């Protein structure tokens, strides 16, 4: 009876409000373009159905099955989709807003242009086939499992990811804005042109990862492990990497302007053409580093160690140091007395 009533709505393409259609088999049906408001579809089986461009507002789908469904341009707003199955479903430009998806399964689904906003993804299995152009904003993700899929051109915004299990090996043009990644294990991953802005990555483990051309501006990385990483052309301006280990790594042409690297250990790393301008490097270790053509102008180098470091046209203009022999080492650019006098004169005129 309920099934016939639902089919009537579909036949008339009529909006449906306040109905209950739970426990129905709805395989292979065409729901495209339909609008449902506060309708119950708990435990319904939508396998292989077309739900493109549907609008679901305040609907419930507890333990519903969407396997092999098409959900392109579909909107779920204030819905309950707990313990649902979306195996091999196609989600293109789908939106989940203020929706509970906890304990749902997306195995082998294709996710492209999907938005998860203010939604619950706790204990969700996200072993998808395609992960592209997807946005996560203000979501709860305790126990979220992301499988071995390449994550491309996606955004994670203000998301606590400390209990997210990520098996992905490749992150391409992925943005993490104000995310909490403290203590997360991201060893031996490849990040291509990724952005970590105002993220918390303290005590995270990035050992052996490729970070080329990525951005870590205003990100905290204290006590993080970046040993054996390739971070060429990376940007760490105003980042805080105090007490981090960055040993045996490659960070050629990286920028650490105004960064805090106090107590950080860069031992045996390659840092050619790297800028530490105005960086706080107090107590940092650069033993055995290649510092050819690097710049420490105006940096605080007090109590820093440069044992067996390689210098060539390395600039320490107006750097603060407690080592009386550092500025005289071979390969250190000669002190530009005229420039320093001009700067001091400019400062005195300002005040």
Protein backbone atom coordinates (compact mmCIF):
# COMPACT_ATOMS: atom_id res chain seq x y z
CA UNK A 1 0.00 0.00 0.00
CA UNK A 2 2.73 2.45 1.02
CA UNK A 3 4.77 1.47 -2.02
CA UNK A 4 1.86 2.18 -4.35
CA UNK A 5 1.34 5.53 -2.67
CA UNK A 6 5.00 6.42 -3.21
CA UNK A 7 4.85 5.32 -6.84
CA UNK A 8 1.90 7.66 -7.26
CA UNK A 9 4.02 10.59 -6.10
CA UNK A 10 6.73 9.56 -8.56
CA UNK A 11 4.26 9.23 -11.43
CA UNK A 12 2.84 12.70 -10.76
CA UNK A 13 6.28 14.23 -9.99
CA UNK A 14 4.58 15.70 -6.95
CA UNK A 15 6.45 16.93 -3.83
CA UNK A 16 5.98 14.58 -0.88
CA UNK A 17 5.60 15.77 2.71
CA UNK A 18 5.31 14.00 6.07
CA UNK A 19 4.87 10.45 4.76
CA UNK A 20 6.29 7.17 6.06
CA UNK A 21 7.67 4.70 3.52
CA UNK A 22 9.92 2.55 5.70
CA UNK A 23 11.00 -1.04 4.94
CA UNK A 24 10.19 -0.85 1.22
CA UNK A 25 12.00 -2.40 -1.74
CA UNK A 26 12.53 0.46 -4.18
CA UNK A 27 15.16 -0.99 -6.50
CA UNK A 28 15.73 0.48 -9.94
CA UNK A 29 13.19 3.30 -9.66
CA UNK A 30 13.45 6.81 -11.10
CA UNK A 31 13.25 9.42 -8.32
CA UNK A 32 15.11 12.11 -10.28
CA UNK A 33 14.06 15.68 -9.56
CA UNK A 34 11.72 14.74 -6.70
CA UNK A 35 11.38 16.75 -3.47
CA UNK A 36 10.73 15.07 -0.10
CA UNK A 37 10.16 16.89 3.19
CA UNK A 38 10.18 15.03 6.53
CA UNK A 39 9.61 11.65 4.90
CA UNK A 40 10.75 8.40 6.54
CA UNK A 41 12.63 5.93 4.31
CA UNK A 42 14.22 3.87 7.07
CA UNK A 43 15.58 0.48 5.94
CA UNK A 44 14.41 1.05 2.33
CA UNK A 45 16.38 -0.55 -0.50
CA UNK A 46 17.07 1.95 -3.31
CA UNK A 47 19.64 -0.25 -5.11
CA UNK A 48 20.36 0.96 -8.67
CA UNK A 49 17.78 3.75 -8.44
CA UNK A 50 18.14 7.18 -10.04
CA UNK A 51 18.03 9.89 -7.36
CA UNK A 52 19.66 12.66 -9.38
CA UNK A 53 18.70 16.23 -8.46
CA UNK A 54 16.45 15.13 -5.60
CA UNK A 55 15.90 17.31 -2.54
CA UNK A 56 15.55 15.57 0.81
CA UNK A 57 14.82 17.84 3.77
CA UNK A 58 14.43 16.45 7.28
CA UNK A 59 14.12 12.88 5.96
CA UNK A 60 15.29 9.70 7.68
CA UNK A 61 17.12 6.84 5.95
CA UNK A 62 18.36 4.73 8.86
CA UNK A 63 19.94 1.53 7.46
CA UNK A 64 18.77 2.38 3.95
CA UNK A 65 20.60 0.91 0.94
CA UNK A 66 21.81 3.18 -1.89
CA UNK A 67 24.15 0.67 -3.54
CA UNK A 68 24.89 1.49 -7.19
CA UNK A 69 22.55 4.49 -7.04
CA UNK A 70 23.04 7.73 -8.94
CA UNK A 71 22.94 10.68 -6.54
CA UNK A 72 24.24 13.45 -8.77
CA UNK A 73 23.30 17.01 -7.74
CA UNK A 74 21.21 15.61 -4.88
CA UNK A 75 20.70 17.57 -1.65
CA UNK A 76 20.32 16.01 1.79
CA UNK A 77 19.51 18.70 4.36
CA UNK A 78 18.95 17.96 8.07
CA UNK A 79 18.57 14.27 7.27
CA UNK A 80 19.43 11.07 9.13
CA UNK A 81 21.40 8.54 7.07
CA UNK A 82 22.89 6.48 9.87
CA UNK A 83 24.24 3.02 8.95
CA UNK A 84 23.34 3.51 5.28
CA UNK A 85 25.10 1.66 2.48
CA UNK A 86 26.32 3.59 -0.57
CA UNK A 87 28.49 0.89 -2.09
CA UNK A 88 29.41 1.71 -5.71
CA UNK A 89 27.11 4.75 -5.67
CA UNK A 90 27.86 7.76 -7.87
CA UNK A 91 27.91 11.09 -6.05
CA UNK A 92 28.65 14.04 -8.33
CA UNK A 93 28.06 17.52 -6.84
CA UNK A 94 26.01 15.95 -4.05
CA UNK A 95 25.48 17.98 -0.85
CA UNK A 96 25.05 16.71 2.71
CA UNK A 97 24.15 19.61 5.03
CA UNK A 98 23.50 19.19 8.77
CA UNK A 99 23.11 15.47 8.14
CA UNK A 100 24.00 12.45 10.29
CA UNK A 101 25.90 9.87 8.21
CA UNK A 102 27.53 8.05 11.11
CA UNK A 103 28.48 4.40 10.58
CA UNK A 104 27.63 4.54 6.87
CA UNK A 105 29.60 2.78 4.12
CA UNK A 106 30.83 4.40 0.89
CA UNK A 107 32.97 1.52 -0.36
CA UNK A 108 33.87 1.78 -4.08
CA UNK A 109 31.67 4.86 -4.48
CA UNK A 110 32.68 7.65 -6.86
CA UNK A 111 32.81 10.96 -5.00
CA UNK A 112 33.30 14.08 -7.12
CA UNK A 113 32.36 17.61 -6.07
CA UNK A 114 30.58 16.44 -2.92
CA UNK A 115 30.05 18.81 0.02
CA UNK A 116 29.83 17.56 3.62
CA UNK A 117 28.82 20.55 5.73
CA UNK A 118 28.10 20.53 9.46
CA UNK A 119 27.51 16.78 9.27
CA UNK A 120 28.45 13.71 11.31
CA UNK A 121 30.84 11.27 9.60
CA UNK A 122 31.78 9.32 12.71
CA UNK A 123 32.79 5.70 12.02
CA UNK A 124 32.09 6.14 8.29
CA UNK A 125 33.99 3.80 5.95
CA UNK A 126 35.13 5.99 3.05
CA UNK A 127 36.92 3.39 0.94
CA UNK A 128 35.88 5.16 -2.24
CA UNK A 129 37.02 4.60 -5.81
CA UNK A 130 37.26 8.32 -6.69
CA UNK A 131 37.93 11.19 -4.25
CA UNK A 132 37.88 14.46 -6.18
CA UNK A 133 36.83 18.09 -5.52
CA UNK A 134 35.25 17.18 -2.19
CA UNK A 135 34.72 19.65 0.66
CA UNK A 136 34.52 18.83 4.37
CA UNK A 137 33.44 21.76 6.54
CA UNK A 138 32.69 21.64 10.26
CA UNK A 139 32.16 17.88 10.26
CA UNK A 140 32.50 15.40 13.11
CA UNK A 141 34.85 12.65 11.95
CA UNK A 142 35.70 10.47 14.94
CA UNK A 143 36.69 7.06 13.58
CA UNK A 144 36.30 8.07 9.92
CA UNK A 145 38.25 5.66 7.70
CA UNK A 146 39.59 6.90 4.36
CA UNK A 147 40.92 4.04 2.22
CA UNK A 148 43.84 3.86 -0.21
CA UNK A 149 42.42 6.35 -2.69
CA UNK A 150 44.19 9.36 -4.18
CA UNK A 151 42.72 12.54 -2.68
CA UNK A 152 42.67 15.30 -5.28
CA UNK A 153 41.66 18.98 -5.28
CA UNK A 154 39.72 18.67 -2.03
CA UNK A 155 39.29 20.89 1.03
CA UNK A 156 39.20 20.02 4.73
CA UNK A 157 38.03 23.06 6.71
CA UNK A 158 38.14 23.42 10.51
CA UNK A 159 38.06 19.66 10.95
CA UNK A 160 39.38 17.67 13.91
CA UNK A 161 41.27 14.87 12.15
CA UNK A 162 43.11 13.40 15.13
CA UNK A 163 40.98 10.25 15.07
CA UNK A 164 40.65 9.97 11.29
CA UNK A 165 42.41 6.96 9.76
CA UNK A 166 43.86 7.95 6.37
CA UNK A 167 45.42 5.27 4.17
CA UNK A 168 45.70 7.50 1.08
CA UNK A 169 49.24 7.73 -0.31
CA UNK A 170 48.73 10.67 -2.68
CA UNK A 171 47.33 14.11 -1.82
CA UNK A 172 47.21 16.40 -4.85
CA UNK A 173 46.21 20.06 -4.42
CA UNK A 174 44.49 19.29 -1.12
CA UNK A 175 43.85 22.15 1.31
CA UNK A 176 43.72 21.79 5.10
CA UNK A 177 42.49 25.03 6.69
CA UNK A 178 42.55 25.37 10.49
CA UNK A 179 42.42 21.57 10.85
CA UNK A 180 43.59 19.71 13.93
CA UNK A 181 46.15 17.13 12.78
CA UNK A 182 48.09 16.84 16.02
CA UNK A 183 49.81 13.48 16.40
CA UNK A 184 48.54 12.14 13.07
CA UNK A 185 50.65 9.59 11.17
CA UNK A 186 51.27 10.70 7.58
CA UNK A 187 54.54 8.88 6.96
CA UNK A 188 55.72 8.07 3.43
CA UNK A 189 52.97 10.04 1.69
CA UNK A 190 53.14 12.24 -1.37
CA UNK A 191 51.74 15.76 -1.09
CA UNK A 192 51.68 17.67 -4.37
CA UNK A 193 51.07 21.42 -4.07
CA UNK A 194 49.06 20.97 -0.87
CA UNK A 195 48.24 23.70 1.60
CA UNK A 196 48.22 23.52 5.39
CA UNK A 197 47.09 26.95 6.62
CA UNK A 198 46.71 27.71 10.33
CA UNK A 199 46.63 23.97 10.93
CA UNK A 200 47.70 22.26 14.15
CA UNK A 201 50.27 19.57 13.32
CA UNK A 202 52.19 19.36 16.58
CA UNK A 203 53.77 15.93 17.16
CA UNK A 204 52.59 14.75 13.74
CA UNK A 205 54.76 12.26 11.83
CA UNK A 206 55.59 13.11 8.21
CA UNK A 207 58.77 11.04 8.03
CA UNK A 208 59.75 10.03 4.50
CA UNK A 209 56.98 12.05 2.87
CA UNK A 210 57.22 14.19 -0.25
CA UNK A 211 56.07 17.75 0.48
CA UNK A 212 57.25 19.50 -2.69
CA UNK A 213 55.67 22.91 -3.32
CA UNK A 214 53.37 22.63 -0.32
CA UNK A 215 52.42 25.46 2.04
CA UNK A 216 52.57 25.39 5.85
CA UNK A 217 51.96 29.08 6.59
CA UNK A 218 50.95 29.89 10.18
CA UNK A 219 50.89 26.18 10.97
CA UNK A 220 52.17 24.71 14.25
CA UNK A 221 54.58 21.79 13.87
CA UNK A 222 56.23 21.73 17.28
CA UNK A 223 57.83 18.36 18.08
CA UNK A 224 56.77 17.08 14.65
CA UNK A 225 58.89 14.58 12.73
CA UNK A 226 59.91 15.59 9.21
CA UNK A 227 62.98 13.37 8.99
CA UNK A 228 63.96 12.20 5.48
CA UNK A 229 61.26 14.33 3.85
CA UNK A 230 61.57 16.09 0.51
CA UNK A 231 60.31 19.61 1.09
CA UNK A 232 61.82 21.53 -1.81
CA UNK A 233 60.02 24.77 -2.66
CA UNK A 234 57.85 24.56 0.45
CA UNK A 235 56.62 27.61 2.36
CA UNK A 236 56.81 27.76 6.17
CA UNK A 237 56.37 31.50 6.70
CA UNK A 238 55.28 32.27 10.29
CA UNK A 239 55.06 28.55 11.06
CA UNK A 240 56.06 27.21 14.47
CA UNK A 241 58.30 24.16 14.14
CA UNK A 242 60.03 24.46 17.49
CA UNK A 243 61.75 21.25 18.63
CA UNK A 244 60.79 19.50 15.39
CA UNK A 245 63.18 16.97 13.85
CA UNK A 246 63.98 17.66 10.20
CA UNK A 247 67.03 15.44 9.80
CA UNK A 248 68.46 13.96 6.58
CA UNK A 249 65.82 15.92 4.68
CA UNK A 250 65.82 18.03 1.51
CA UNK A 251 64.37 21.52 1.79
CA UNK A 252 66.13 23.33 -1.04
CA UNK A 253 64.58 26.71 -1.93
CA UNK A 254 62.16 26.48 0.99
CA UNK A 255 61.05 29.64 2.81
CA UNK A 256 61.01 29.93 6.61
CA UNK A 257 60.61 33.70 6.87
CA UNK A 258 59.47 34.78 10.36
CA UNK A 259 59.13 31.11 11.35
CA UNK A 260 59.89 29.74 14.81
CA UNK A 261 62.34 26.82 14.67
CA UNK A 262 63.81 27.11 18.15
CA UNK A 263 65.37 23.82 19.19
CA UNK A 264 64.62 22.22 15.82
CA UNK A 265 67.12 19.64 14.53
CA UNK A 266 68.00 20.03 10.83
CA UNK A 267 71.08 17.76 11.04
CA UNK A 268 72.49 16.56 7.70
CA UNK A 269 69.71 18.20 5.68
CA UNK A 270 70.09 19.99 2.36
CA UNK A 271 68.95 23.60 2.70
CA UNK A 272 70.45 25.34 -0.34
CA UNK A 273 68.89 28.62 -1.45
CA UNK A 274 66.70 28.47 1.66
CA UNK A 275 65.46 31.58 3.45
CA UNK A 276 65.40 31.87 7.24
CA UNK A 277 65.00 35.66 7.16
CA UNK A 278 63.92 36.97 10.59
CA UNK A 279 63.40 33.39 11.75
CA UNK A 280 63.64 32.47 15.43
CA UNK A 281 66.34 29.79 15.29
CA UNK A 282 67.56 29.91 18.88
CA UNK A 283 69.10 26.55 19.82
CA UNK A 284 68.44 25.03 16.39
CA UNK A 285 70.85 22.39 15.06
CA UNK A 286 72.24 22.71 11.53
CA UNK A 287 75.09 20.23 11.93
CA UNK A 288 76.24 18.75 8.62
CA UNK A 289 73.73 20.81 6.62
CA UNK A 290 74.29 22.13 3.11
CA UNK A 291 73.53 25.84 3.46
CA UNK A 292 74.85 27.06 0.12
CA UNK A 293 73.31 30.39 -0.95
CA UNK A 294 70.95 30.35 2.02
CA UNK A 295 69.80 33.42 3.90
CA UNK A 296 69.68 33.94 7.66
CA UNK A 297 69.39 37.74 7.55
CA UNK A 298 68.07 39.22 10.82
CA UNK A 299 67.56 35.71 12.24
CA UNK A 300 68.06 34.86 15.91
CA UNK A 301 70.83 32.24 15.84
CA UNK A 302 71.80 32.32 19.50
CA UNK A 303 73.01 28.95 20.78
CA UNK A 304 72.48 27.38 17.35
CA UNK A 305 74.93 24.74 16.15
CA UNK A 306 76.54 24.65 12.69
CA UNK A 307 79.14 21.89 13.14
CA UNK A 308 80.46 20.64 9.79
CA UNK A 309 77.86 22.73 7.93
CA UNK A 310 78.63 23.71 4.36
CA UNK A 311 78.54 27.43 3.56
CA UNK A 312 78.77 29.14 0.18
CA UNK A 313 77.56 32.72 -0.24
CA UNK A 314 75.48 32.15 2.88
CA UNK A 315 74.11 35.42 4.24
CA UNK A 316 73.84 36.19 7.96
CA UNK A 317 73.30 39.94 7.65
CA UNK A 318 72.36 41.44 11.03
CA UNK A 319 71.80 37.96 12.45
CA UNK A 320 71.96 37.58 16.22
CA UNK A 321 74.50 34.95 17.27
CA UNK A 322 76.46 33.88 20.36
CA UNK A 323 79.17 32.14 18.30
CA UNK A 324 82.05 34.62 17.85
CA UNK A 325 83.52 32.54 15.03
CA UNK A 326 80.38 31.89 12.97
CA UNK A 327 80.45 35.11 10.94
CA UNK A 328 84.09 34.49 10.03
CA UNK A 329 83.64 30.98 8.64
CA UNK A 330 84.57 30.29 5.04
CA UNK A 331 81.59 30.68 2.73
CA UNK A 332 79.75 33.18 4.93
CA UNK A 333 79.04 36.41 3.06
CA UNK A 334 81.06 39.35 4.36
CA UNK A 335 79.31 41.73 6.69
CA UNK A 336 77.75 44.61 4.76
CA UNK A 337 78.72 47.45 7.08
CA UNK A 338 77.35 50.17 4.79
CA UNK A 339 73.94 48.51 4.58
CA UNK A 340 73.80 48.02 8.34
CA UNK A 341 74.66 51.68 8.95
CA UNK A 342 71.97 52.77 6.49
CA UNK A 343 69.39 50.58 8.24
CA UNK A 344 70.34 51.93 11.66
CA UNK A 345 70.15 55.48 10.34
CA UNK A 346 66.70 54.80 8.89
CA UNK A 347 65.50 53.40 12.21
CA UNK A 348 66.86 56.37 14.15
CA UNK A 349 65.03 58.80 11.85
CA UNK A 350 61.79 56.85 12.30
CA UNK A 351 61.97 57.22 16.07
